[in-house]
Protein backbone atom coordinates (compact mmCIF):
# COMPACT_ATOMS: atom_id res chain seq x y z
CA MET A 1 0.15 -0.11 0.19
CA LYS A 2 1.47 3.46 -1.03
CA THR A 3 0.32 6.94 -0.75
CA ILE A 4 0.93 10.25 -1.99
CA GLN A 5 -0.12 14.02 -1.21
CA GLY A 6 -0.77 16.84 -3.08
CA GLN A 7 -3.37 19.31 -4.47
CA ILE A 8 -5.56 16.79 -6.22
CA VAL A 9 -7.43 17.75 -9.30
CA ASP A 10 -10.82 16.29 -9.46
CA LEU A 11 -12.25 16.70 -12.70
CA VAL A 12 -15.37 14.48 -11.95
CA ALA A 13 -16.46 16.73 -9.34
CA ASP A 14 -14.71 19.75 -10.92
CA ARG A 15 -12.79 20.82 -7.76
CA ILE A 16 -9.09 21.03 -6.29
CA PHE A 17 -8.48 20.00 -2.89
CA SER A 18 -5.51 18.96 -0.55
CA GLY A 19 -5.50 15.50 0.02
CA GLU A 20 -3.93 12.12 0.13
CA ILE A 21 -4.24 9.15 -2.35
CA THR A 22 -3.88 5.61 -1.02
CA TYR A 23 -3.21 3.11 -3.90
CA GLN A 24 -2.50 -0.76 -4.10
CA ASN A 25 -2.19 -3.31 -6.61
CA GLY A 26 -3.00 -0.70 -9.51
CA LYS A 27 -5.88 0.92 -8.10
CA ILE A 28 -6.64 3.76 -6.02
CA ILE A 29 -8.42 2.41 -2.79
CA SER A 30 -8.89 5.82 -0.86
CA ILE A 31 -8.97 9.58 -1.39
CA LYS A 32 -9.30 11.98 1.51
CA GLU A 33 -9.02 15.64 2.07
CA CYS A 34 -5.80 16.45 4.41
CA GLU A 35 -3.76 19.49 5.63
CA THR A 36 -0.79 18.77 3.21
CA ALA A 37 2.57 21.08 2.86
CA GLU A 38 3.05 19.16 -0.63
CA GLN A 39 2.21 22.14 -3.17
CA GLN A 40 2.51 19.72 -6.12
CA PHE A 41 -0.74 19.09 -8.31
CA ILE A 42 -1.79 15.44 -8.75
CA ILE A 43 -3.77 15.29 -12.28
CA PRO A 44 -5.47 12.53 -14.14
CA GLY A 45 -2.94 11.64 -16.92
CA PHE A 46 -3.14 13.05 -20.23
CA VAL A 47 -4.71 11.11 -22.97
CA ASP A 48 -3.90 11.77 -26.85
CA ALA A 49 -7.40 11.72 -28.38
CA HIS A 50 -5.96 10.39 -31.90
CA VAL A 51 -2.67 9.56 -32.82
CA HIS A 52 -0.74 7.55 -35.49
CA ILE A 53 1.85 6.02 -33.29
CA GLU A 54 3.62 5.14 -36.60
CA SER A 55 4.21 8.82 -37.43
CA SER A 56 6.50 9.22 -34.39
CA MET A 57 8.91 6.74 -36.36
CA LEU A 58 9.05 4.66 -33.33
CA ILE A 59 7.28 1.17 -32.49
CA PRO A 60 4.70 1.29 -29.58
CA SER A 61 7.00 0.33 -26.82
CA GLU A 62 9.65 3.25 -27.57
CA PHE A 63 6.87 5.67 -28.22
CA ALA A 64 5.74 4.97 -24.47
CA ARG A 65 8.99 5.45 -23.19
CA LEU A 66 9.06 9.09 -24.41
CA ALA A 67 5.54 9.86 -24.01
CA VAL A 68 5.10 9.32 -20.21
CA CYS A 69 7.79 11.67 -19.26
CA HIS A 70 5.24 14.16 -20.56
CA GLY A 71 2.22 12.86 -18.27
CA THR A 72 0.76 10.89 -21.01
CA VAL A 73 -0.87 7.58 -19.70
CA ALA A 74 -2.81 6.53 -22.79
CA THR A 75 -3.54 6.93 -26.56
CA ILE A 76 -6.24 6.50 -28.82
CA SER A 77 -4.17 5.05 -31.64
CA ASP A 78 -4.93 4.35 -35.15
CA PRO A 79 -2.86 1.92 -36.79
CA HIS A 80 -4.01 2.92 -40.31
CA GLU A 81 -0.31 3.58 -41.72
CA ILE A 82 0.87 0.12 -40.89
CA GLY A 83 -2.31 -1.17 -41.59
CA ASN A 84 -1.61 0.24 -45.37
CA VAL A 85 1.68 -1.38 -45.64
CA LEU A 86 1.00 -4.93 -43.92
CA GLY A 87 -2.61 -5.10 -43.21
CA LYS A 88 -4.09 -6.91 -40.30
CA ASP A 89 -0.50 -8.39 -39.62
CA GLY A 90 0.65 -5.02 -38.88
CA VAL A 91 -2.06 -3.90 -36.86
CA ARG A 92 -1.20 -7.07 -34.87
CA PHE A 93 2.35 -6.23 -34.34
CA MET A 94 1.37 -2.70 -33.10
CA ILE A 95 -0.99 -4.34 -30.32
CA ASP A 96 1.62 -7.11 -29.55
CA ASN A 97 4.56 -4.60 -28.98
CA GLY A 98 2.19 -2.20 -27.10
CA LEU A 99 1.44 -4.65 -24.53
CA GLU A 100 5.02 -5.15 -23.65
CA THR A 101 4.62 -1.84 -21.89
CA PRO A 102 2.45 -0.51 -18.98
CA PHE A 103 1.21 2.29 -21.04
CA LYS A 104 -2.43 2.05 -22.07
CA PHE A 105 -2.54 1.79 -25.85
CA TYR A 106 -6.26 1.68 -27.32
CA PHE A 107 -6.10 0.72 -30.98
CA GLY A 108 -8.76 1.21 -33.61
CA ALA A 109 -9.48 -1.11 -36.51
CA PRO A 110 -8.43 0.69 -39.57
CA SER A 111 -11.62 1.52 -41.59
CA CYS A 112 -10.04 2.58 -44.95
CA VAL A 113 -6.99 0.25 -46.20
CA PRO A 114 -6.38 1.30 -48.86
CA ALA A 115 -7.38 4.57 -48.11
CA THR A 116 -8.23 5.10 -51.94
CA GLN A 117 -8.24 3.31 -55.02
CA PHE A 118 -5.79 6.17 -56.69
CA GLU A 119 -2.80 4.73 -55.04
CA THR A 120 -0.93 1.67 -54.58
CA ALA A 121 -0.97 0.33 -50.78
CA GLY A 122 0.61 -3.02 -49.66
CA ALA A 123 -2.58 -4.49 -48.12
CA THR A 124 -6.33 -4.49 -48.07
CA ILE A 125 -8.29 -4.72 -44.79
CA THR A 126 -11.61 -6.17 -45.32
CA VAL A 127 -15.08 -6.05 -43.42
CA ASP A 128 -14.15 -9.87 -42.18
CA ASP A 129 -10.65 -8.42 -41.30
CA ILE A 130 -12.17 -5.78 -39.19
CA GLU A 131 -14.25 -7.98 -37.36
CA GLU A 132 -11.24 -10.17 -36.46
CA ILE A 133 -9.49 -7.24 -35.34
CA PHE A 134 -12.18 -6.13 -33.05
CA SER A 135 -11.91 -9.42 -31.31
CA TRP A 136 -8.12 -8.56 -30.42
CA PRO A 137 -7.22 -7.06 -27.08
CA ASN A 138 -7.23 -3.44 -26.63
CA VAL A 139 -9.23 -2.62 -29.75
CA ASN A 140 -12.19 -0.56 -29.18
CA TYR A 141 -13.14 1.56 -32.06
CA LEU A 142 -13.51 2.03 -35.83
CA ALA A 143 -10.61 4.21 -36.78
CA GLU A 144 -11.29 7.19 -38.94
CA MET A 145 -13.76 7.02 -41.59
CA MET A 146 -11.53 8.64 -44.26
CA ASN A 147 -14.09 7.90 -47.02
CA PHE A 148 -16.64 10.47 -46.29
CA PRO A 149 -17.83 10.37 -50.17
CA GLY A 150 -18.51 6.74 -49.63
CA VAL A 151 -20.62 7.63 -46.25
CA LEU A 152 -22.60 10.25 -48.30
CA PHE A 153 -23.43 8.00 -50.99
CA LYS A 154 -23.83 4.84 -49.03
CA ASP A 155 -21.27 2.57 -50.25
CA PRO A 156 -22.13 -0.94 -49.20
CA ASP A 157 -18.49 -1.88 -48.27
CA VAL A 158 -18.15 1.45 -45.92
CA MET A 159 -21.74 1.01 -44.59
CA ALA A 160 -21.01 -2.70 -43.71
CA LYS A 161 -17.88 -1.64 -41.68
CA ILE A 162 -19.81 1.06 -39.74
CA ALA A 163 -22.49 -1.24 -39.17
CA LEU A 164 -20.25 -3.77 -37.75
CA ALA A 165 -18.78 -1.50 -35.19
CA HIS A 166 -22.14 -0.22 -34.07
CA LYS A 167 -23.45 -3.94 -33.76
CA LEU A 168 -20.33 -4.66 -31.29
CA GLY A 169 -20.87 -1.39 -29.42
CA LYS A 170 -17.86 0.44 -30.91
CA LYS A 171 -17.21 4.04 -31.53
CA VAL A 172 -16.47 5.28 -35.21
CA ASP A 173 -13.90 8.10 -35.60
CA GLY A 174 -14.47 10.69 -38.51
CA HIS A 175 -12.28 12.34 -40.69
CA ALA A 176 -14.22 14.80 -42.93
CA PRO A 177 -12.15 18.08 -43.83
CA GLY A 178 -14.18 20.96 -44.92
CA LEU A 179 -17.47 19.12 -44.88
CA MET A 180 -20.10 21.28 -43.65
CA GLY A 181 -24.10 21.79 -43.75
CA GLU A 182 -26.23 19.09 -44.85
CA ASP A 183 -23.22 16.88 -46.12
CA ALA A 184 -21.78 17.15 -42.64
CA LYS A 185 -25.18 16.28 -41.06
CA LYS A 186 -25.53 13.11 -43.08
CA TYR A 187 -21.92 12.04 -42.59
CA ILE A 188 -22.56 12.62 -38.44
CA ASP A 189 -25.95 10.74 -38.58
CA ALA A 190 -24.21 7.51 -40.05
CA GLY A 191 -23.08 7.37 -36.38
CA ILE A 192 -19.74 8.81 -36.79
CA THR A 193 -18.96 10.64 -33.37
CA THR A 194 -15.56 12.75 -33.91
CA ASP A 195 -13.58 14.70 -36.30
CA HIS A 196 -9.96 15.99 -35.76
CA GLU A 197 -9.71 17.71 -39.30
CA CYS A 198 -11.34 20.86 -38.66
CA PHE A 199 -9.29 23.51 -39.51
CA THR A 200 -11.54 26.44 -39.34
CA LYS A 201 -13.75 27.26 -36.04
CA GLU A 202 -16.89 27.64 -38.27
CA GLU A 203 -16.38 24.19 -39.65
CA ALA A 204 -16.02 23.18 -35.87
CA LEU A 205 -18.95 24.86 -34.97
CA ASP A 206 -21.21 23.28 -37.99
CA LYS A 207 -19.98 19.85 -36.90
CA LEU A 208 -20.79 20.61 -33.07
CA LYS A 209 -24.46 21.49 -33.91
CA TYR A 210 -25.12 18.08 -35.21
CA GLY A 211 -23.57 16.38 -32.16
CA MET A 212 -20.13 15.70 -33.27
CA LYS A 213 -17.39 15.76 -31.02
CA ILE A 214 -14.39 17.88 -31.91
CA ILE A 215 -10.74 16.85 -31.22
CA ILE A 216 -8.17 19.96 -31.42
CA ARG A 217 -4.94 18.60 -33.28
CA GLU A 218 -1.80 19.95 -32.86
CA GLY A 219 0.92 17.94 -34.22
CA SER A 220 4.21 18.09 -35.94
CA ALA A 221 2.92 19.43 -39.21
CA ALA A 222 -1.03 19.78 -38.83
CA LYS A 223 -1.59 22.75 -36.74
CA ASN A 224 -5.16 23.73 -35.81
CA PHE A 225 -4.91 24.86 -32.39
CA GLU A 226 -4.83 28.72 -32.99
CA ALA A 227 -8.17 28.30 -35.01
CA LEU A 228 -10.04 26.03 -32.08
CA TRP A 229 -8.86 26.86 -28.68
CA GLU A 230 -11.74 28.69 -27.88
CA LEU A 231 -13.84 25.73 -28.01
CA ILE A 232 -12.39 24.40 -24.84
CA ASP A 233 -14.51 27.04 -22.81
CA GLU A 234 -17.23 27.18 -25.03
CA TYR A 235 -17.98 23.47 -25.59
CA PRO A 236 -15.80 21.73 -22.76
CA GLU A 237 -17.75 18.76 -22.94
CA MET A 238 -17.36 18.13 -26.69
CA VAL A 239 -13.82 18.73 -27.16
CA MET A 240 -10.68 16.88 -27.01
CA LEU A 241 -7.05 17.16 -27.41
CA CYS A 242 -4.60 14.93 -29.89
CA SER A 243 -1.35 15.13 -31.84
CA ASP A 244 -2.46 13.14 -34.77
CA ASP A 245 1.25 12.94 -36.20
CA LYS A 246 4.32 13.66 -33.89
CA HIS A 247 7.77 13.01 -35.28
CA PRO A 248 10.27 11.74 -32.56
CA ASN A 249 12.11 14.88 -32.16
CA ASP A 250 9.08 16.83 -30.91
CA LEU A 251 7.88 13.69 -28.98
CA ALA A 252 11.12 13.96 -26.95
CA VAL A 253 10.37 17.58 -26.03
CA SER A 254 6.66 17.49 -25.22
CA HIS A 255 3.31 16.10 -25.97
CA ILE A 256 -0.45 16.80 -24.85
CA ASN A 257 1.22 18.71 -21.55
CA LYS A 258 2.47 21.61 -23.73
CA LEU A 259 -0.97 21.90 -25.74
CA ALA A 260 -2.33 22.14 -22.17
CA ALA A 261 0.06 24.86 -21.09
CA ARG A 262 -0.96 26.85 -24.56
CA ALA A 263 -4.60 26.67 -23.81
CA VAL A 264 -4.16 27.79 -20.05
CA ALA A 265 -1.82 30.54 -21.46
CA LYS A 266 -4.58 31.67 -23.83
CA GLY A 267 -6.89 32.17 -20.66
CA CYS A 268 -8.95 28.72 -20.89
CA ASN A 269 -10.25 27.50 -17.75
CA VAL A 270 -7.95 24.93 -16.24
CA MET A 271 -10.55 22.46 -15.40
CA ASN A 272 -11.72 22.64 -18.82
CA VAL A 273 -8.60 22.23 -20.33
CA LEU A 274 -7.62 19.17 -18.24
CA ARG A 275 -11.05 17.74 -19.06
CA CYS A 276 -10.34 17.96 -22.75
CA ALA A 277 -6.89 16.51 -22.25
CA SER A 278 -8.04 13.38 -20.60
CA LEU A 279 -11.56 13.11 -18.83
CA ASN A 280 -13.37 13.55 -22.31
CA THR A 281 -11.37 10.73 -24.20
CA VAL A 282 -11.71 8.56 -21.20
CA GLN A 283 -15.44 8.53 -21.07
CA HIS A 284 -16.11 8.90 -24.78
CA TYR A 285 -13.97 5.69 -25.42
CA ASP A 286 -14.84 4.08 -22.44
CA MET A 287 -11.19 3.58 -21.69
CA LYS A 288 -9.85 1.83 -18.47
CA VAL A 289 -7.73 4.80 -17.40
CA GLY A 290 -7.89 6.09 -13.93
CA LEU A 291 -9.42 9.82 -13.29
CA LEU A 292 -8.57 9.95 -9.72
CA GLN A 293 -11.85 8.65 -8.51
CA ASP A 294 -12.20 5.44 -5.71
CA GLY A 295 -11.43 2.40 -7.21
CA ASP A 296 -9.97 3.71 -10.23
CA TYR A 297 -6.64 2.73 -11.93
CA ALA A 298 -3.93 4.58 -10.37
CA ASP A 299 -3.13 6.53 -13.52
CA PHE A 300 -2.11 10.11 -12.87
CA CYS A 301 0.83 12.60 -13.19
CA ILE A 302 2.24 14.86 -10.82
CA VAL A 303 3.12 18.67 -11.99
CA ASP A 304 4.58 21.62 -10.53
CA ASN A 305 1.85 23.95 -11.36
CA LEU A 306 -1.13 24.25 -13.53
CA SER A 307 -0.31 26.63 -16.02
CA ASP A 308 3.27 25.25 -17.31
CA PHE A 309 2.42 21.67 -16.82
CA ASN A 310 6.10 20.61 -16.16
CA VAL A 311 5.84 16.99 -15.12
CA LYS A 312 7.41 15.67 -12.13
CA ALA A 313 6.23 12.12 -12.32
CA THR A 314 3.89 9.68 -14.02
CA TYR A 315 2.15 6.82 -12.79
CA ILE A 316 0.45 4.06 -14.51
CA ASN A 317 -1.64 1.46 -12.49
CA GLY A 318 0.49 2.75 -9.51
CA GLU A 319 3.66 2.01 -10.94
CA LEU A 320 6.23 5.01 -11.32
CA VAL A 321 6.69 5.16 -15.10
CA ALA A 322 8.39 8.33 -15.58
CA ASN A 323 10.71 10.76 -12.90
CA ASN A 324 11.84 13.99 -13.48
CA GLY A 325 11.78 13.70 -17.21
CA LYS A 326 13.52 10.28 -17.26
CA THR A 327 11.56 7.18 -18.26
CA ASN A 328 11.51 4.00 -16.27
CA ILE A 329 10.30 1.90 -18.90
CA PRO A 330 12.84 -0.22 -20.25
CA SER A 331 13.47 -0.69 -24.05
CA VAL A 332 12.00 -4.25 -25.53
CA SER A 333 13.32 -6.05 -28.40
CA ALA A 334 11.31 -6.30 -31.41
CA THR A 335 11.88 -8.14 -34.80
CA PRO A 336 11.18 -5.61 -37.87
CA ILE A 337 8.49 -6.81 -40.20
CA ASN A 338 8.21 -5.26 -43.98
CA ASN A 339 6.77 -5.01 -47.03
CA PHE A 340 9.11 -3.47 -49.58
CA ASP A 341 10.20 -4.57 -53.21
CA CYS A 342 11.28 -1.92 -55.55
CA LYS A 343 14.43 -1.26 -57.33
CA GLU A 344 16.67 1.99 -57.52
CA ILE A 345 15.88 4.48 -59.86
CA THR A 346 17.84 6.94 -62.43
CA PRO A 347 17.58 10.63 -63.33
CA ALA A 348 16.19 9.58 -66.81
CA GLN A 349 13.15 7.88 -65.07
CA ILE A 350 11.93 11.35 -63.15
CA GLN A 351 12.13 13.54 -66.19
CA LEU A 352 9.23 15.57 -67.75
CA LYS A 353 9.28 16.57 -71.34
CA ASP A 354 8.07 20.30 -71.85
CA GLU A 355 4.59 20.77 -73.65
CA GLY A 356 5.15 24.32 -74.22
CA LYS A 357 2.49 24.75 -71.17
CA ALA A 358 2.36 26.06 -67.63
CA VAL A 359 2.31 23.39 -65.09
CA LYS A 360 0.19 22.91 -62.22
CA VAL A 361 2.18 23.17 -58.80
CA ILE A 362 1.17 21.79 -55.27
CA ALA A 363 1.41 24.79 -53.02
CA VAL A 364 1.70 23.63 -49.33
CA GLU A 365 1.21 25.58 -46.28
CA ASP A 366 3.40 25.38 -43.11
CA GLY A 367 1.18 23.75 -40.32
CA GLN A 368 -1.73 22.60 -42.64
CA LEU A 369 -2.47 19.20 -44.41
CA ILE A 370 -4.49 20.86 -46.91
CA THR A 371 -2.66 22.43 -50.07
CA LYS A 372 -3.76 24.54 -52.55
CA MET A 373 -3.15 24.51 -56.81
CA GLU A 374 -0.76 27.21 -58.35
CA ILE A 375 0.36 27.67 -61.99
CA ALA A 376 4.01 28.12 -62.78
CA LYS A 377 5.77 28.22 -65.99
CA LEU A 378 9.12 26.52 -65.73
CA PRO A 379 12.58 26.66 -67.32
CA THR A 380 13.57 23.70 -69.84
CA LYS A 381 17.01 22.12 -70.52
CA ASP A 382 17.00 19.83 -73.70
CA GLY A 383 13.21 20.04 -73.87
CA LEU A 384 12.94 18.68 -70.45
CA LEU A 385 11.28 20.74 -67.41
CA GLN A 386 13.78 21.72 -64.36
CA SER A 387 13.20 22.62 -61.10
CA ASP A 388 13.24 26.62 -60.46
CA THR A 389 14.85 27.74 -56.97
CA SER A 390 14.21 31.38 -57.96
CA GLN A 391 10.24 30.71 -58.11
CA ASP A 392 10.58 28.22 -55.31
CA VAL A 393 9.01 25.38 -57.64
CA LEU A 394 11.01 22.20 -57.29
CA LYS A 395 10.31 18.71 -58.62
CA ILE A 396 8.21 16.15 -56.45
CA VAL A 397 8.34 12.48 -56.95
CA VAL A 398 6.37 9.54 -55.85
CA ILE A 399 7.79 5.82 -55.87
CA ASN A 400 5.83 2.58 -55.64
CA ARG A 401 7.51 0.73 -53.13
CA TYR A 402 5.58 -2.54 -53.12
CA PHE A 403 6.69 -3.31 -56.78
CA ASP A 404 8.54 -1.76 -59.85
CA ALA A 405 6.35 0.98 -61.50
CA PRO A 406 7.18 4.35 -63.33
CA PRO A 407 7.57 7.40 -60.95
CA ALA A 408 4.88 9.69 -60.70
CA VAL A 409 6.37 13.02 -61.23
CA SER A 410 5.28 16.75 -60.68
CA PHE A 411 6.19 20.11 -58.95
CA ILE A 412 5.62 21.81 -55.63
CA THR A 413 6.02 25.26 -54.25
CA ASN A 414 6.71 26.58 -50.78
CA VAL A 415 9.23 24.05 -49.59
CA GLY A 416 12.06 26.52 -49.78
CA LEU A 417 15.20 24.11 -50.84
CA LYS A 418 18.01 25.99 -52.42
CA LYS A 419 19.92 22.75 -53.17
CA GLY A 420 19.91 19.06 -52.78
CA ALA A 421 16.80 16.83 -52.12
CA ILE A 422 15.20 15.16 -49.48
CA ALA A 423 13.10 11.98 -49.20
CA SER A 424 10.67 9.91 -47.10
CA CYS A 425 9.04 6.51 -46.95
CA VAL A 426 6.83 8.03 -44.22
CA ALA A 427 4.17 9.11 -46.76
CA HIS A 428 0.37 8.96 -45.76
CA ASP A 429 -1.35 6.90 -46.49
CA SER A 430 0.41 4.25 -48.53
CA HIS A 431 3.88 5.02 -47.47
CA ASN A 432 5.05 4.84 -50.88
CA ILE A 433 8.44 6.92 -51.24
CA ILE A 434 8.16 10.73 -51.79
CA ALA A 435 10.92 13.13 -52.58
CA VAL A 436 11.22 16.65 -53.37
CA GLY A 437 14.68 18.29 -54.79
CA THR A 438 16.37 20.96 -56.82
CA ASN A 439 18.03 18.52 -59.27
CA ASP A 440 17.26 14.96 -60.82
CA THR A 441 20.51 13.42 -59.42
CA ASP A 442 19.95 14.21 -55.96
CA ILE A 443 16.52 13.01 -55.86
CA CYS A 444 17.75 9.89 -56.93
CA LYS A 445 20.30 9.67 -54.73
CA ALA A 446 17.82 10.45 -51.79
CA ILE A 447 15.25 7.87 -53.14
CA ASN A 448 17.88 5.17 -53.46
CA LEU A 449 19.16 5.49 -49.93
CA ILE A 450 15.66 4.44 -48.82
CA VAL A 451 15.43 1.88 -51.30
CA LYS A 452 18.79 0.29 -50.19
CA ALA A 453 17.54 0.65 -46.64
CA GLN A 454 13.98 -0.63 -47.40
CA GLY A 455 12.51 2.36 -45.73
CA GLY A 456 13.52 5.60 -43.88
CA VAL A 457 14.15 9.31 -44.36
CA SER A 458 16.84 10.61 -46.18
CA LEU A 459 18.80 13.80 -47.53
CA ALA A 460 21.44 14.36 -50.51
CA GLU A 461 23.39 17.12 -51.63
CA GLY A 462 26.22 15.98 -53.75
CA ASN A 463 28.51 13.88 -51.77
CA ASN A 464 26.28 14.51 -48.55
CA GLU A 465 24.23 11.53 -48.13
CA GLN A 466 22.25 11.18 -44.76
CA LEU A 467 19.43 8.64 -43.75
CA VAL A 468 17.59 7.72 -40.81
CA ALA A 469 16.86 3.69 -41.54
CA LEU A 470 13.09 2.78 -40.50
CA PRO A 471 13.02 -1.03 -40.86
CA VAL A 472 9.73 -1.77 -39.35
CA ALA A 473 7.45 -1.60 -42.09
CA GLY A 474 9.68 0.97 -43.85
CA ILE A 475 8.07 3.55 -41.36
CA MET A 476 9.61 3.08 -37.76
CA SER A 477 12.76 1.91 -36.10
CA HIS A 478 13.03 -0.64 -33.20
CA LEU A 479 15.97 1.16 -31.71
CA ASP A 480 16.16 3.37 -28.81
CA GLY A 481 13.70 6.23 -29.22
CA TYR A 482 15.95 8.77 -27.94
CA GLU A 483 18.36 7.93 -30.44
CA VAL A 484 16.00 8.01 -33.21
CA ALA A 485 14.94 11.31 -32.19
CA ASP A 486 18.45 12.69 -32.11
CA ALA A 487 18.95 11.16 -35.56
CA TYR A 488 15.97 12.56 -36.80
CA GLU A 489 16.54 16.03 -35.35
CA LYS A 490 19.71 16.14 -37.22
CA ILE A 491 18.44 15.22 -40.53
CA ASP A 492 15.58 17.66 -40.19
CA LEU A 493 18.09 20.60 -39.31
CA ALA A 494 20.38 19.47 -42.18
CA SER A 495 17.21 19.70 -44.70
CA LYS A 496 16.97 23.21 -43.28
CA ASP A 497 20.46 23.83 -44.09
CA LEU A 498 19.58 23.25 -47.67
CA GLY A 499 17.31 25.98 -47.38
CA ALA A 500 13.82 24.09 -46.11
CA LYS A 501 11.48 26.71 -44.77
CA LEU A 502 8.98 24.67 -43.22
CA SER A 503 9.17 23.74 -39.62
CA SER A 504 8.74 20.25 -40.46
CA PRO A 505 9.77 19.74 -43.64
CA TYR A 506 9.70 15.69 -43.96
CA MET A 507 6.10 15.66 -42.06
CA THR A 508 4.78 18.26 -44.63
CA LEU A 509 6.59 16.19 -47.35
CA SER A 510 4.82 13.05 -46.03
CA PHE A 511 1.18 14.76 -46.54
CA CYS A 512 1.72 15.61 -49.98
CA ALA A 513 0.73 12.07 -51.13
CA LEU A 514 -2.37 12.46 -48.83
CA LEU A 515 -5.17 12.37 -51.24
CA VAL A 516 -8.04 12.37 -48.99
CA ILE A 517 -7.20 16.05 -48.24
CA PRO A 518 -7.68 18.40 -50.50
CA GLU A 519 -6.64 20.17 -53.07
CA LEU A 520 -3.64 18.86 -55.16
CA LYS A 521 -1.50 15.88 -54.16
CA LEU A 522 0.62 13.04 -55.81
CA SER A 523 0.25 9.48 -55.69
CA ASP A 524 2.34 6.86 -57.04
CA LYS A 525 -0.33 6.50 -60.08
CA GLY A 526 -0.07 10.65 -60.48
CA LEU A 527 -1.40 13.78 -60.02
CA PHE A 528 -4.66 13.74 -57.97
CA ASP A 529 -7.15 16.65 -57.55
CA GLY A 530 -8.73 16.42 -54.11
CA THR A 531 -11.74 18.48 -55.17
CA THR A 532 -13.00 16.41 -57.85
CA PHE A 533 -11.08 13.02 -56.39
CA GLN A 534 -9.75 12.26 -59.93
CA PHE A 535 -6.49 12.34 -61.46
CA THR A 536 -5.31 15.36 -63.16
CA SER A 537 -2.86 16.62 -65.95
CA CYS A 538 0.38 18.16 -64.51
CA PHE A 539 -0.04 20.57 -67.35
CA GLU A 540 -2.62 23.58 -67.19
């Protein structure tokens, strides 16, 4: 039997009091008010309401080691990324590895594998597969239904997946960027309960009025907090907080705790903030995560104040899993699994002939998943279109990683590279290889580094070649999370030395193949118009 004293933050009763918590065998057996000199605050552990663990480039057990240092005790984790690479075998890998730690991973059954018919994925997850996945431990919801047109037009396969989830009493997560009005109502009326894709308050308010819960996202690339933070006080029972995608160097520094701190700094009520950072998610998904109540699991963290949320210690089931910024969770061994079979490429394979026309250009925006379409006139050499750093219009290439196929080639702006190239196999949703660069030679070098390693993120500029290898499904490392974070930080900084002006160049690059987010994207099959949901010519 153990006790801990401090200022106890009871979100259920909406009060803070001096008290003592007694816990044993992983659960709280009593909470009593008492005089205490301890000025530390005991709060429910933070919960990430929607995250793709794979985007941390770490396997679940390593993600846990870093996350607990920031007071996170649980996640709602969508294994959509590894599902697109390895199908249900990949989902099972995530679950089994997560079970090796005390951290509370709650996984979803991926609903959209492949995400679209307009890209090459490594697997398919059927309705029957989803039913099997639902029988596995720690799977308690249908992960984000990205195919919102399928919902609106009642696609039989889409509706069967939703019906199965409802039959089994599982929540259904949403993904409907920009959807509003009657279409939003129709989508929500299908029984879809959340959305983390709102990028304007107007859109969020529209969905809220139909009963949908809004998850405010602030990840490494997609950042919607500034647009949505006012909802925390306006709709405290209907809002949750998530990272969605968090690169390892960012996870090493902070997690949901700093998002909570930003909300308090904005003037949000601290109890509302903490409600959105834990209680709402625990209750919505019926998680076995403690909320500092008698009989609850002893899941909590200790912070020095309720403004900065600097985490002194984190407990899961009464076990001290992090103390003063140091993880107590040991690394566990994991054997990489993968699905990778393509050959190296040459510059001749990624050339585009000049047709005497302007080209359509993918325009990225820092901190957003959405892109725009711009038009540019590019220089040529020997009848071939060239990147133009003076306009900041660079070549972008996507390579099918699952079998040899012709590369898809287009152009992109606002990346900022002045020399060299960067590439990544972390490319949502199908995780083919995506690269952008100032010249064909360096683009091919960056791509071929990933081909040789069968997964990773890379950089090439002349003789300067760098790689962070990701041998697990081509998108994660099984090595120590802090070492991976350090290696990724170095290659991220190296990309900025080449001129990249985005806050997270590799994460933004990874979303340029994400066809379910408007407006213009590039899959391994070609340039894709997300507004019409069909392929388009790269020429105007």
